[in-house]
Amino acid sequence: MEDPGEEFKIYHAFSIEELDEVAIAFMSPKWKNYLHPTDQTELQADATFYVVPKQFYQLLNIFLQYKSHSLPAIHILMSKKTGTLYDKVVAKVIEILPFIASIIKTDFESSMYSSFAKGFPYARRYWLGQVGPSRLSVFHTEIRTTNDLESFHANLKRKFKSHNPNYWDFIKNLNKVIQTTEKDIERIDNHVPIRRKKRPVTIQKEKYIDALQQQLINGDITPNNYLKTITHQYKSQFARFEGFIESVEDVDTENKEEDLIQDVSTEQNSNMCRICLVNVPDTLIMPCRHAQTCFSCTERIVNSDNNNCPICREPIENFIKIFL
């Protein structure tokens, strides 16, 4: 490959080249000032293919959360999407940009998620089979969708215009994208909006969800009540499931087996955290010795104003993680 020149060097973060596994990453060096090693942030990752030069297979884009905004941070051209190359890429990302990924969101590609999960072992993740609720649950998270990332990929397609562009045209266009992110962060720091203002109804719904989630954490409502309330609040979004829900209700009415259904539900839920209904209970609460919550939820309860066991309502003096 010919000399890359200044346009390549300005945002070049790292390169990996081992046999046929090649990765070239681009990132604004300012991200090293935006994040610190102790910062906990949400990480989103997804790949796109349309704007990728022919020499490469995909462009992996990593979004990081900065002051409640999800922003494109690292862009990585990859010749393959193997687990070994993902591992090397994640190791390099951690090397050049130390931070703690508290939440990891990727698509359902197992090799990608596995590499990020290994690289950030303290990320909140729960498994149920091979695709766990950690990939689906947005409980108590500030950013509940990957809309920013999906919108970013659509904008890339519009900006690059051509499919599989020339390598240097790709670099020029990507530099403009990175510069736009730098300007967005400057605006955020100066309290200038970078997105359209949320509609009042959206803000009201978000506050409502936050309040319900806090009630659930405090033990003021049961998980079933929480889910029913949320479903009712967003009943228009659940309209497509109306036929399924009605069929379940019909069977329930005909059989009149409410006690049996309750027993089965209780048995299933007993294997999950009583708060998030996602993680395996792994925490012993003292002095009541209840062990029906996960470590993350227990920690949130202890740090909240209502420092009581969600099972018996006794004050929590201490809690211990159980290694199963």
C-alpha atoms as a PDB file:
ATOM      1  CA  MET A   1       0.000   0.000   0.000  1.00  0.00           C
ATOM      2  CA  GLU A   2       1.304   3.467  -0.850  1.00  0.00           C
ATOM      3  CA  ASP A   3       2.308   6.037   1.764  1.00  0.00           C
ATOM      4  CA  PRO A   4      -0.849   6.874   3.711  1.00  0.00           C
ATOM      5  CA  GLY A   5      -0.147  10.574   4.053  1.00  0.00           C
ATOM      6  CA  GLU A   6      -1.467  13.028   6.616  1.00  0.00           C
ATOM      7  CA  GLU A   7      -5.156  12.315   6.050  1.00  0.00           C
ATOM      8  CA  PHE A   8      -4.571   8.719   7.125  1.00  0.00           C
ATOM      9  CA  LYS A   9      -2.270   9.503  10.036  1.00  0.00           C
ATOM     10  CA  ILE A  10      -4.396  12.163  11.714  1.00  0.00           C
ATOM     11  CA  TYR A  11      -6.957   9.716  13.133  1.00  0.00           C
ATOM     12  CA  HIS A  12      -5.144   6.389  12.797  1.00  0.00           C
ATOM     13  CA  ALA A  13      -5.447   4.582  16.157  1.00  0.00           C
ATOM     14  CA  PHE A  14      -3.884   1.160  15.565  1.00  0.00           C
ATOM     15  CA  SER A  15      -3.310  -1.556  12.979  1.00  0.00           C
ATOM     16  CA  ILE A  16      -3.292  -5.350  13.232  1.00  0.00           C
ATOM     17  CA  GLU A  17      -1.800  -7.522  10.511  1.00  0.00           C
ATOM     18  CA  GLU A  18      -1.294 -11.237  11.077  1.00  0.00           C
ATOM     19  CA  LEU A  19      -1.472 -13.456   8.003  1.00  0.00           C
ATOM     20  CA  ASP A  20      -4.873 -12.799   6.421  1.00  0.00           C
ATOM     21  CA  GLU A  21      -6.342 -11.118   9.518  1.00  0.00           C
ATOM     22  CA  VAL A  22      -6.079  -7.350   9.117  1.00  0.00           C
ATOM     23  CA  ALA A  23      -7.686  -4.531  11.091  1.00  0.00           C
ATOM     24  CA  ILE A  24      -7.137  -0.769  10.824  1.00  0.00           C
ATOM     25  CA  ALA A  25      -8.738   1.465  13.457  1.00  0.00           C
ATOM     26  CA  PHE A  26      -9.502   5.182  13.410  1.00  0.00           C
ATOM     27  CA  MET A  27     -10.358   7.374  16.387  1.00  0.00           C
ATOM     28  CA  SER A  28     -10.110  10.984  17.434  1.00  0.00           C
ATOM     29  CA  PRO A  29      -7.156  11.271  19.871  1.00  0.00           C
ATOM     30  CA  LYS A  30      -9.368  13.605  21.904  1.00  0.00           C
ATOM     31  CA  TRP A  31     -11.279  10.565  23.224  1.00  0.00           C
ATOM     32  CA  LYS A  32      -8.309   9.960  25.537  1.00  0.00           C
ATOM     33  CA  ASN A  33      -9.247  13.240  27.226  1.00  0.00           C
ATOM     34  CA  TYR A  34     -12.983  12.583  27.135  1.00  0.00           C
ATOM     35  CA  LEU A  35     -12.731   9.302  29.085  1.00  0.00           C
ATOM     36  CA  HIS A  36     -10.658   8.303  32.100  1.00  0.00           C
ATOM     37  CA  PRO A  37      -9.628   4.798  33.256  1.00  0.00           C
ATOM     38  CA  THR A  38     -12.192   4.862  36.082  1.00  0.00           C
ATOM     39  CA  ASP A  39     -15.079   6.048  33.908  1.00  0.00           C
ATOM     40  CA  GLN A  40     -17.932   3.578  33.535  1.00  0.00           C
ATOM     41  CA  THR A  41     -19.651   3.893  30.190  1.00  0.00           C
ATOM     42  CA  GLU A  42     -22.017   2.005  27.942  1.00  0.00           C
ATOM     43  CA  LEU A  43     -20.472   0.397  24.879  1.00  0.00           C
ATOM     44  CA  GLN A  44     -22.409  -0.350  21.701  1.00  0.00           C
ATOM     45  CA  ALA A  45     -20.846  -2.121  18.742  1.00  0.00           C
ATOM     46  CA  ASP A  46     -22.145  -3.073  15.335  1.00  0.00           C
ATOM     47  CA  ALA A  47     -20.731  -3.569  11.852  1.00  0.00           C
ATOM     48  CA  THR A  48     -21.728  -2.172   8.485  1.00  0.00           C
ATOM     49  CA  PHE A  49     -20.696  -3.303   5.010  1.00  0.00           C
ATOM     50  CA  TYR A  50     -21.935  -0.858   2.365  1.00  0.00           C
ATOM     51  CA  VAL A  51     -19.215   1.807   2.819  1.00  0.00           C
ATOM     52  CA  VAL A  52     -16.318  -0.642   3.182  1.00  0.00           C
ATOM     53  CA  PRO A  53     -13.444  -0.605   0.637  1.00  0.00           C
ATOM     54  CA  LYS A  54     -13.161  -3.834  -1.338  1.00  0.00           C
ATOM     55  CA  GLN A  55      -9.979  -4.877   0.484  1.00  0.00           C
ATOM     56  CA  PHE A  56     -11.978  -5.307   3.711  1.00  0.00           C
ATOM     57  CA  TYR A  57     -15.005  -7.252   4.880  1.00  0.00           C
ATOM     58  CA  GLN A  58     -16.671  -4.875   7.349  1.00  0.00           C
ATOM     59  CA  LEU A  59     -16.447  -1.606   9.275  1.00  0.00           C
ATOM     60  CA  LEU A  60     -16.925  -2.169  13.002  1.00  0.00           C
ATOM     61  CA  ASN A  61     -18.214   0.965  14.741  1.00  0.00           C
ATOM     62  CA  ILE A  62     -17.934   1.323  18.509  1.00  0.00           C
ATOM     63  CA  PHE A  63     -20.161   3.849  20.249  1.00  0.00           C
ATOM     64  CA  LEU A  64     -19.418   5.075  23.776  1.00  0.00           C
ATOM     65  CA  GLN A  65     -21.617   6.998  26.157  1.00  0.00           C
ATOM     66  CA  TYR A  66     -20.498  10.550  26.910  1.00  0.00           C
ATOM     67  CA  LYS A  67     -22.607  12.681  29.257  1.00  0.00           C
ATOM     68  CA  SER A  68     -25.825  10.785  28.475  1.00  0.00           C
ATOM     69  CA  HIS A  69     -25.134  10.781  24.723  1.00  0.00           C
ATOM     70  CA  SER A  70     -24.187   7.730  22.674  1.00  0.00           C
ATOM     71  CA  LEU A  71     -21.484   8.815  20.209  1.00  0.00           C
ATOM     72  CA  PRO A  72     -19.310   7.118  17.560  1.00  0.00           C
ATOM     73  CA  ALA A  73     -15.826   6.709  19.014  1.00  0.00           C
ATOM     74  CA  ILE A  74     -13.812   4.037  17.186  1.00  0.00           C
ATOM     75  CA  HIS A  75     -14.118   2.855  13.590  1.00  0.00           C
ATOM     76  CA  ILE A  76     -12.326  -0.367  12.617  1.00  0.00           C
ATOM     77  CA  LEU A  77     -11.901  -1.801   9.145  1.00  0.00           C
ATOM     78  CA  MET A  78     -11.669  -5.597   9.393  1.00  0.00           C
ATOM     79  CA  SER A  79     -10.721  -8.147   6.750  1.00  0.00           C
ATOM     80  CA  LYS A  80     -12.616 -10.882   8.605  1.00  0.00           C
ATOM     81  CA  LYS A  81     -15.039 -11.283  11.491  1.00  0.00           C
ATOM     82  CA  THR A  82     -13.357 -14.203  13.245  1.00  0.00           C
ATOM     83  CA  GLY A  83     -13.245 -14.570  17.003  1.00  0.00           C
ATOM     84  CA  THR A  84      -9.437 -14.296  17.029  1.00  0.00           C
ATOM     85  CA  LEU A  85      -9.462 -10.986  15.154  1.00  0.00           C
ATOM     86  CA  TYR A  86     -12.240  -9.630  17.390  1.00  0.00           C
ATOM     87  CA  ASP A  87     -10.131 -10.592  20.439  1.00  0.00           C
ATOM     88  CA  LYS A  88      -7.125  -8.701  19.076  1.00  0.00           C
ATOM     89  CA  VAL A  89      -9.240  -5.666  18.220  1.00  0.00           C
ATOM     90  CA  VAL A  90     -10.804  -5.501  21.692  1.00  0.00           C
ATOM     91  CA  ALA A  91      -7.373  -5.878  23.338  1.00  0.00           C
ATOM     92  CA  LYS A  92      -6.073  -2.953  21.275  1.00  0.00           C
ATOM     93  CA  VAL A  93      -9.120  -0.823  22.103  1.00  0.00           C
ATOM     94  CA  ILE A  94      -8.503  -1.367  25.821  1.00  0.00           C
ATOM     95  CA  GLU A  95      -4.808  -0.599  25.356  1.00  0.00           C
ATOM     96  CA  ILE A  96      -5.300   2.767  23.654  1.00  0.00           C
ATOM     97  CA  LEU A  97      -8.446   3.864  25.478  1.00  0.00           C
ATOM     98  CA  PRO A  98      -8.714   2.568  29.063  1.00  0.00           C
ATOM     99  CA  PHE A  99     -12.233   2.679  30.467  1.00  0.00           C
ATOM    100  CA  ILE A 100     -14.767   0.399  32.138  1.00  0.00           C
ATOM    101  CA  ALA A 101     -17.630  -0.850  29.980  1.00  0.00           C
ATOM    102  CA  SER A 102     -20.473  -1.267  32.464  1.00  0.00           C
ATOM    103  CA  ILE A 103     -22.934  -2.328  29.758  1.00  0.00           C
ATOM    104  CA  ILE A 104     -22.178  -3.987  26.421  1.00  0.00           C
ATOM    105  CA  LYS A 105     -24.667  -3.952  23.544  1.00  0.00           C
ATOM    106  CA  THR A 106     -23.931  -5.740  20.287  1.00  0.00           C
ATOM    107  CA  ASP A 107     -25.964  -7.582  17.723  1.00  0.00           C
ATOM    108  CA  PHE A 108     -26.506 -11.337  18.041  1.00  0.00           C
ATOM    109  CA  GLU A 109     -23.152 -12.241  16.504  1.00  0.00           C
ATOM    110  CA  SER A 110     -21.673 -14.505  19.184  1.00  0.00           C
ATOM    111  CA  SER A 111     -17.988 -14.004  18.326  1.00  0.00           C
ATOM    112  CA  MET A 112     -18.260 -10.221  18.550  1.00  0.00           C
ATOM    113  CA  TYR A 113     -20.123 -10.248  21.860  1.00  0.00           C
ATOM    114  CA  SER A 114     -17.842 -12.912  23.329  1.00  0.00           C
ATOM    115  CA  SER A 115     -14.728 -10.853  22.582  1.00  0.00           C
ATOM    116  CA  PHE A 116     -16.150  -7.710  24.182  1.00  0.00           C
ATOM    117  CA  ALA A 117     -17.403  -9.676  27.189  1.00  0.00           C
ATOM    118  CA  LYS A 118     -13.935 -11.179  27.738  1.00  0.00           C
ATOM    119  CA  GLY A 119     -12.278  -7.802  27.332  1.00  0.00           C
ATOM    120  CA  PHE A 120     -14.634  -6.129  29.804  1.00  0.00           C
ATOM    121  CA  PRO A 121     -15.275  -8.834  32.436  1.00  0.00           C
ATOM    122  CA  TYR A 122     -17.068  -6.467  34.825  1.00  0.00           C
ATOM    123  CA  ALA A 123     -19.782  -5.584  32.328  1.00  0.00           C
ATOM    124  CA  ARG A 124     -23.311  -6.281  33.502  1.00  0.00           C
ATOM    125  CA  ARG A 125     -24.337  -9.344  31.553  1.00  0.00           C
ATOM    126  CA  TYR A 126     -26.784 -12.145  32.252  1.00  0.00           C
ATOM    127  CA  TRP A 127     -27.071 -15.426  30.406  1.00  0.00           C
ATOM    128  CA  LEU A 128     -30.106 -17.555  29.753  1.00  0.00           C
ATOM    129  CA  GLY A 129     -29.169 -20.097  27.121  1.00  0.00           C
ATOM    130  CA  GLN A 130     -26.900 -18.791  24.387  1.00  0.00           C
ATOM    131  CA  VAL A 131     -28.622 -15.449  23.847  1.00  0.00           C
ATOM    132  CA  GLY A 132     -29.193 -14.046  27.301  1.00  0.00           C
ATOM    133  CA  PRO A 133     -31.420 -11.287  28.626  1.00  0.00           C
ATOM    134  CA  SER A 134     -28.325  -9.087  28.913  1.00  0.00           C
ATOM    135  CA  ARG A 135     -28.649  -8.694  25.159  1.00  0.00           C
ATOM    136  CA  LEU A 136     -32.313  -7.778  25.527  1.00  0.00           C
ATOM    137  CA  SER A 137     -32.871  -6.224  28.954  1.00  0.00           C
ATOM    138  CA  VAL A 138     -32.652  -2.440  29.280  1.00  0.00           C
ATOM    139  CA  PHE A 139     -33.713  -2.365  32.933  1.00  0.00           C
ATOM    140  CA  HIS A 140     -32.339   0.718  34.714  1.00  0.00           C
ATOM    141  CA  THR A 141     -30.294   1.857  31.710  1.00  0.00           C
ATOM    142  CA  GLU A 142     -30.298   5.430  30.486  1.00  0.00           C
ATOM    143  CA  ILE A 143     -30.004   4.581  26.784  1.00  0.00           C
ATOM    144  CA  ARG A 144     -32.574   1.883  25.984  1.00  0.00           C
ATOM    145  CA  THR A 145     -32.115   1.530  22.223  1.00  0.00           C
ATOM    146  CA  THR A 146     -29.390   1.334  19.581  1.00  0.00           C
ATOM    147  CA  ASN A 147     -31.192   3.923  17.462  1.00  0.00           C
ATOM    148  CA  ASP A 148     -28.143   6.214  17.424  1.00  0.00           C
ATOM    149  CA  LEU A 149     -25.964   3.468  15.994  1.00  0.00           C
ATOM    150  CA  GLU A 150     -28.526   2.397  13.395  1.00  0.00           C
ATOM    151  CA  SER A 151     -29.060   6.023  12.373  1.00  0.00           C
ATOM    152  CA  PHE A 152     -25.289   6.480  12.121  1.00  0.00           C
ATOM    153  CA  HIS A 153     -25.017   3.597   9.656  1.00  0.00           C
ATOM    154  CA  ALA A 154     -27.802   5.079   7.536  1.00  0.00           C
ATOM    155  CA  ASN A 155     -26.049   8.463   7.514  1.00  0.00           C
ATOM    156  CA  LEU A 156     -22.758   6.819   6.532  1.00  0.00           C
ATOM    157  CA  LYS A 157     -24.456   5.310   3.514  1.00  0.00           C
ATOM    158  CA  ARG A 158     -25.772   8.730   2.455  1.00  0.00           C
ATOM    159  CA  LYS A 159     -22.451  10.516   3.010  1.00  0.00           C
ATOM    160  CA  PHE A 160     -20.256   7.952   1.272  1.00  0.00           C
ATOM    161  CA  LYS A 161     -22.714   7.698  -1.645  1.00  0.00           C
ATOM    162  CA  SER A 162     -20.825   4.945  -3.478  1.00  0.00           C
ATOM    163  CA  HIS A 163     -20.809   1.271  -2.573  1.00  0.00           C
ATOM    164  CA  ASN A 164     -17.328  -0.128  -1.728  1.00  0.00           C
ATOM    165  CA  PRO A 165     -15.542   3.205  -2.252  1.00  0.00           C
ATOM    166  CA  ASN A 166     -11.898   3.713  -3.091  1.00  0.00           C
ATOM    167  CA  TYR A 167      -9.744   3.311   0.039  1.00  0.00           C
ATOM    168  CA  TRP A 168      -8.600   6.942   0.099  1.00  0.00           C
ATOM    169  CA  ASP A 169     -12.100   8.263  -0.543  1.00  0.00           C
ATOM    170  CA  PHE A 170     -13.162   6.174   2.438  1.00  0.00           C
ATOM    171  CA  ILE A 171     -10.459   7.794   4.613  1.00  0.00           C
ATOM    172  CA  LYS A 172     -11.480  11.323   3.569  1.00  0.00           C
ATOM    173  CA  ASN A 173     -15.151  10.690   4.333  1.00  0.00           C
ATOM    174  CA  LEU A 174     -14.416   8.957   7.632  1.00  0.00           C
ATOM    175  CA  ASN A 175     -12.240  11.891   8.730  1.00  0.00           C
ATOM    176  CA  LYS A 176     -15.237  14.182   8.219  1.00  0.00           C
ATOM    177  CA  VAL A 177     -17.384  11.854  10.329  1.00  0.00           C
ATOM    178  CA  ILE A 178     -14.837  11.893  13.173  1.00  0.00           C
ATOM    179  CA  GLN A 179     -14.554  15.690  12.989  1.00  0.00           C
ATOM    180  CA  THR A 180     -18.329  15.960  13.296  1.00  0.00           C
ATOM    181  CA  THR A 181     -18.197  13.873  16.492  1.00  0.00           C
ATOM    182  CA  GLU A 182     -15.476  16.152  17.904  1.00  0.00           C
ATOM    183  CA  LYS A 183     -17.714  19.163  17.264  1.00  0.00           C
ATOM    184  CA  ASP A 184     -20.668  17.368  18.857  1.00  0.00           C
ATOM    185  CA  ILE A 185     -18.666  16.780  22.032  1.00  0.00           C
ATOM    186  CA  GLU A 186     -17.663  20.455  22.117  1.00  0.00           C
ATOM    187  CA  ARG A 187     -21.346  21.367  21.888  1.00  0.00           C
ATOM    188  CA  ILE A 188     -22.222  18.933  24.677  1.00  0.00           C
ATOM    189  CA  ASP A 189     -19.522  20.444  26.906  1.00  0.00           C
ATOM    190  CA  ASN A 190     -20.936  23.904  26.155  1.00  0.00           C
ATOM    191  CA  HIS A 191     -24.496  22.713  26.913  1.00  0.00           C
ATOM    192  CA  VAL A 192     -25.588  23.122  23.296  1.00  0.00           C
ATOM    193  CA  PRO A 193     -28.089  20.465  22.117  1.00  0.00           C
ATOM    194  CA  ILE A 194     -26.794  18.126  19.400  1.00  0.00           C
ATOM    195  CA  ARG A 195     -30.100  16.338  18.862  1.00  0.00           C
ATOM    196  CA  ARG A 196     -33.658  17.481  18.422  1.00  0.00           C
ATOM    197  CA  LYS A 197     -35.379  18.161  21.710  1.00  0.00           C
ATOM    198  CA  LYS A 198     -37.377  15.277  23.078  1.00  0.00           C
ATOM    199  CA  ARG A 199     -41.109  15.651  22.874  1.00  0.00           C
ATOM    200  CA  PRO A 200     -42.810  16.362  26.217  1.00  0.00           C
ATOM    201  CA  VAL A 201     -44.701  13.071  25.975  1.00  0.00           C
ATOM    202  CA  THR A 202     -41.395  11.183  25.568  1.00  0.00           C
ATOM    203  CA  ILE A 203     -39.888  12.912  28.602  1.00  0.00           C
ATOM    204  CA  GLN A 204     -43.018  12.133  30.609  1.00  0.00           C
ATOM    205  CA  LYS A 205     -42.855   8.444  29.652  1.00  0.00           C
ATOM    206  CA  GLU A 206     -39.160   8.217  30.572  1.00  0.00           C
ATOM    207  CA  LYS A 207     -39.830   9.728  33.998  1.00  0.00           C
ATOM    208  CA  TYR A 208     -42.707   7.305  34.453  1.00  0.00           C
ATOM    209  CA  ILE A 209     -40.482   4.316  33.608  1.00  0.00           C
ATOM    210  CA  ASP A 210     -37.734   5.551  35.955  1.00  0.00           C
ATOM    211  CA  ALA A 211     -40.241   5.946  38.781  1.00  0.00           C
ATOM    212  CA  LEU A 212     -41.647   2.450  38.213  1.00  0.00           C
ATOM    213  CA  GLN A 213     -38.180   0.915  38.138  1.00  0.00           C
ATOM    214  CA  GLN A 214     -37.288   2.630  41.402  1.00  0.00           C
ATOM    215  CA  GLN A 215     -40.489   1.288  42.981  1.00  0.00           C
ATOM    216  CA  LEU A 216     -39.513  -2.189  41.808  1.00  0.00           C
ATOM    217  CA  ILE A 217     -36.023  -1.855  43.295  1.00  0.00           C
ATOM    218  CA  ASN A 218     -37.481  -0.577  46.569  1.00  0.00           C
ATOM    219  CA  GLY A 219     -39.873  -3.522  46.712  1.00  0.00           C
ATOM    220  CA  ASP A 220     -42.949  -1.285  46.572  1.00  0.00           C
ATOM    221  CA  ILE A 221     -44.339  -3.228  43.599  1.00  0.00           C
ATOM    222  CA  THR A 222     -43.891  -6.806  42.407  1.00  0.00           C
ATOM    223  CA  PRO A 223     -42.187  -7.703  39.117  1.00  0.00           C
ATOM    224  CA  ASN A 224     -45.543  -8.861  37.733  1.00  0.00           C
ATOM    225  CA  ASN A 225     -47.188  -5.528  38.591  1.00  0.00           C
ATOM    226  CA  TYR A 226     -44.272  -3.690  37.020  1.00  0.00           C
ATOM    227  CA  LEU A 227     -44.571  -5.616  33.750  1.00  0.00           C
ATOM    228  CA  LYS A 228     -48.357  -5.248  33.633  1.00  0.00           C
ATOM    229  CA  THR A 229     -48.116  -1.490  34.228  1.00  0.00           C
ATOM    230  CA  ILE A 230     -45.459  -1.010  31.550  1.00  0.00           C
ATOM    231  CA  THR A 231     -47.464  -3.110  29.084  1.00  0.00           C
ATOM    232  CA  HIS A 232     -50.572  -1.022  29.737  1.00  0.00           C
ATOM    233  CA  GLN A 233     -48.610   2.220  29.334  1.00  0.00           C
ATOM    234  CA  TYR A 234     -47.332   1.105  25.935  1.00  0.00           C
ATOM    235  CA  LYS A 235     -50.377  -0.855  24.841  1.00  0.00           C
ATOM    236  CA  SER A 236     -50.240   0.594  21.316  1.00  0.00           C
ATOM    237  CA  GLN A 237     -46.775  -0.898  20.841  1.00  0.00           C
ATOM    238  CA  PHE A 238     -48.045  -4.235  22.111  1.00  0.00           C
ATOM    239  CA  ALA A 239     -51.096  -4.236  19.807  1.00  0.00           C
ATOM    240  CA  ARG A 240     -49.474  -6.724  17.428  1.00  0.00           C
ATOM    241  CA  PHE A 241     -49.454  -9.268  20.267  1.00  0.00           C
ATOM    242  CA  GLU A 242     -53.154  -8.752  20.964  1.00  0.00           C
ATOM    243  CA  GLY A 243     -54.250 -12.017  19.348  1.00  0.00           C
ATOM    244  CA  PHE A 244     -51.655 -13.989  21.240  1.00  0.00           C
ATOM    245  CA  ILE A 245     -52.573 -12.366  24.568  1.00  0.00           C
ATOM    246  CA  GLU A 246     -56.288 -12.992  23.993  1.00  0.00           C
ATOM    247  CA  SER A 247     -55.662 -16.667  23.207  1.00  0.00           C
ATOM    248  CA  VAL A 248     -53.714 -17.042  26.433  1.00  0.00           C
ATOM    249  CA  GLU A 249     -56.514 -15.344  28.373  1.00  0.00           C
ATOM    250  CA  ASP A 250     -59.102 -17.671  26.795  1.00  0.00           C
ATOM    251  CA  VAL A 251     -57.172 -20.751  27.851  1.00  0.00           C
ATOM    252  CA  ASP A 252     -56.748 -19.282  31.310  1.00  0.00           C
ATOM    253  CA  THR A 253     -60.483 -18.685  31.633  1.00  0.00           C
ATOM    254  CA  GLU A 254     -61.477 -22.109  30.354  1.00  0.00           C
ATOM    255  CA  ASN A 255     -59.119 -24.086  32.554  1.00  0.00           C
ATOM    256  CA  LYS A 256     -59.579 -22.067  35.751  1.00  0.00           C
ATOM    257  CA  GLU A 257     -56.209 -23.258  36.944  1.00  0.00           C
ATOM    258  CA  GLU A 258     -54.947 -20.036  38.462  1.00  0.00           C
ATOM    259  CA  ASP A 259     -53.322 -21.756  41.421  1.00  0.00           C
ATOM    260  CA  LEU A 260     -51.409 -24.130  39.192  1.00  0.00           C
ATOM    261  CA  ILE A 261     -50.282 -21.284  36.925  1.00  0.00           C
ATOM    262  CA  GLN A 262     -49.124 -19.318  39.964  1.00  0.00           C
ATOM    263  CA  ASP A 263     -47.152 -22.314  41.247  1.00  0.00           C
ATOM    264  CA  VAL A 264     -45.403 -22.782  37.904  1.00  0.00           C
ATOM    265  CA  SER A 265     -44.656 -19.055  37.635  1.00  0.00           C
ATOM    266  CA  THR A 266     -43.248 -19.000  41.150  1.00  0.00           C
ATOM    267  CA  GLU A 267     -41.059 -22.007  40.422  1.00  0.00           C
ATOM    268  CA  GLN A 268     -39.648 -20.367  37.273  1.00  0.00           C
ATOM    269  CA  ASN A 269     -39.075 -16.990  38.915  1.00  0.00           C
ATOM    270  CA  SER A 270     -37.363 -18.576  41.930  1.00  0.00           C
ATOM    271  CA  ASN A 271     -34.344 -19.240  39.728  1.00  0.00           C
ATOM    272  CA  MET A 272     -34.014 -15.554  38.846  1.00  0.00           C
ATOM    273  CA  CYS A 273     -33.263 -12.375  40.752  1.00  0.00           C
ATOM    274  CA  ARG A 274     -36.470 -11.112  42.392  1.00  0.00           C
ATOM    275  CA  ILE A 275     -35.737  -7.570  41.211  1.00  0.00           C
ATOM    276  CA  CYS A 276     -34.608  -7.748  37.572  1.00  0.00           C
ATOM    277  CA  LEU A 277     -35.958 -11.239  36.783  1.00  0.00           C
ATOM    278  CA  VAL A 278     -32.864 -11.705  34.650  1.00  0.00           C
ATOM    279  CA  ASN A 279     -29.759 -12.557  36.618  1.00  0.00           C
ATOM    280  CA  VAL A 280     -29.169 -15.639  38.748  1.00  0.00           C
ATOM    281  CA  PRO A 281     -29.410 -14.827  42.486  1.00  0.00           C
ATOM    282  CA  ASP A 282     -25.830 -14.699  43.754  1.00  0.00           C
ATOM    283  CA  THR A 283     -25.965 -12.472  46.842  1.00  0.00           C
ATOM    284  CA  LEU A 284     -26.579 -13.195  50.525  1.00  0.00           C
ATOM    285  CA  ILE A 285     -28.214 -10.314  52.402  1.00  0.00           C
ATOM    286  CA  MET A 286     -27.332  -9.912  56.073  1.00  0.00           C
ATOM    287  CA  PRO A 287     -28.606 -10.272  58.732  1.00  0.00           C
ATOM    288  CA  CYS A 288     -31.843 -11.740  57.298  1.00  0.00           C
ATOM    289  CA  ARG A 289     -29.857 -14.220  55.134  1.00  0.00           C
ATOM    290  CA  HIS A 290     -32.141 -13.941  52.111  1.00  0.00           C
ATOM    291  CA  ALA A 291     -30.432 -14.939  48.856  1.00  0.00           C
ATOM    292  CA  GLN A 292     -32.957 -14.138  46.143  1.00  0.00           C
ATOM    293  CA  THR A 293     -31.325 -11.159  44.435  1.00  0.00           C
ATOM    294  CA  CYS A 294     -28.331 -10.585  42.167  1.00  0.00           C
ATOM    295  CA  PHE A 295     -25.300  -8.563  43.213  1.00  0.00           C
ATOM    296  CA  SER A 296     -26.065  -5.603  40.901  1.00  0.00           C
ATOM    297  CA  CYS A 297     -29.627  -5.143  42.161  1.00  0.00           C
ATOM    298  CA  THR A 298     -28.586  -5.603  45.799  1.00  0.00           C
ATOM    299  CA  GLU A 299     -25.905  -2.965  45.362  1.00  0.00           C
ATOM    300  CA  ARG A 300     -28.453  -0.523  43.926  1.00  0.00           C
ATOM    301  CA  ILE A 301     -30.782  -1.137  46.873  1.00  0.00           C
ATOM    302  CA  VAL A 302     -28.000  -0.520  49.400  1.00  0.00           C
ATOM    303  CA  ASN A 303     -27.042   2.713  47.630  1.00  0.00           C
ATOM    304  CA  SER A 304     -30.640   3.932  47.516  1.00  0.00           C
ATOM    305  CA  ASP A 305     -32.542   5.798  50.220  1.00  0.00           C
ATOM    306  CA  ASN A 306     -34.572   2.691  51.066  1.00  0.00           C
ATOM    307  CA  ASN A 307     -31.883   0.327  52.369  1.00  0.00           C
ATOM    308  CA  ASN A 308     -34.169  -2.624  53.140  1.00  0.00           C
ATOM    309  CA  CYS A 309     -34.225  -6.250  52.048  1.00  0.00           C
ATOM    310  CA  PRO A 310     -36.761  -6.547  49.196  1.00  0.00           C
ATOM    311  CA  ILE A 311     -37.993  -9.872  50.609  1.00  0.00           C
ATOM    312  CA  CYS A 312     -38.588  -9.173  54.305  1.00  0.00           C
ATOM    313  CA  ARG A 313     -38.103  -5.363  54.432  1.00  0.00           C
ATOM    314  CA  GLU A 314     -35.501  -5.631  57.228  1.00  0.00           C
ATOM    315  CA  PRO A 315     -32.615  -3.119  57.078  1.00  0.00           C
ATOM    316  CA  ILE A 316     -29.581  -4.431  55.184  1.00  0.00           C
ATOM    317  CA  GLU A 317     -26.408  -4.346  57.266  1.00  0.00           C
ATOM    318  CA  ASN A 318     -24.192  -6.145  54.782  1.00  0.00           C
ATOM    319  CA  PHE A 319     -24.329  -8.302  51.660  1.00  0.00           C
ATOM    320  CA  ILE A 320     -22.016 -11.003  50.352  1.00  0.00           C
ATOM    321  CA  LYS A 321     -21.525 -12.235  46.793  1.00  0.00           C
ATOM    322  CA  ILE A 322     -21.958 -15.995  46.488  1.00  0.00           C
ATOM    323  CA  PHE A 323     -19.749 -17.698  43.911  1.00  0.00           C
ATOM    324  CA  LEU A 324     -21.777 -20.565  42.467  1.00  0.00           C
END
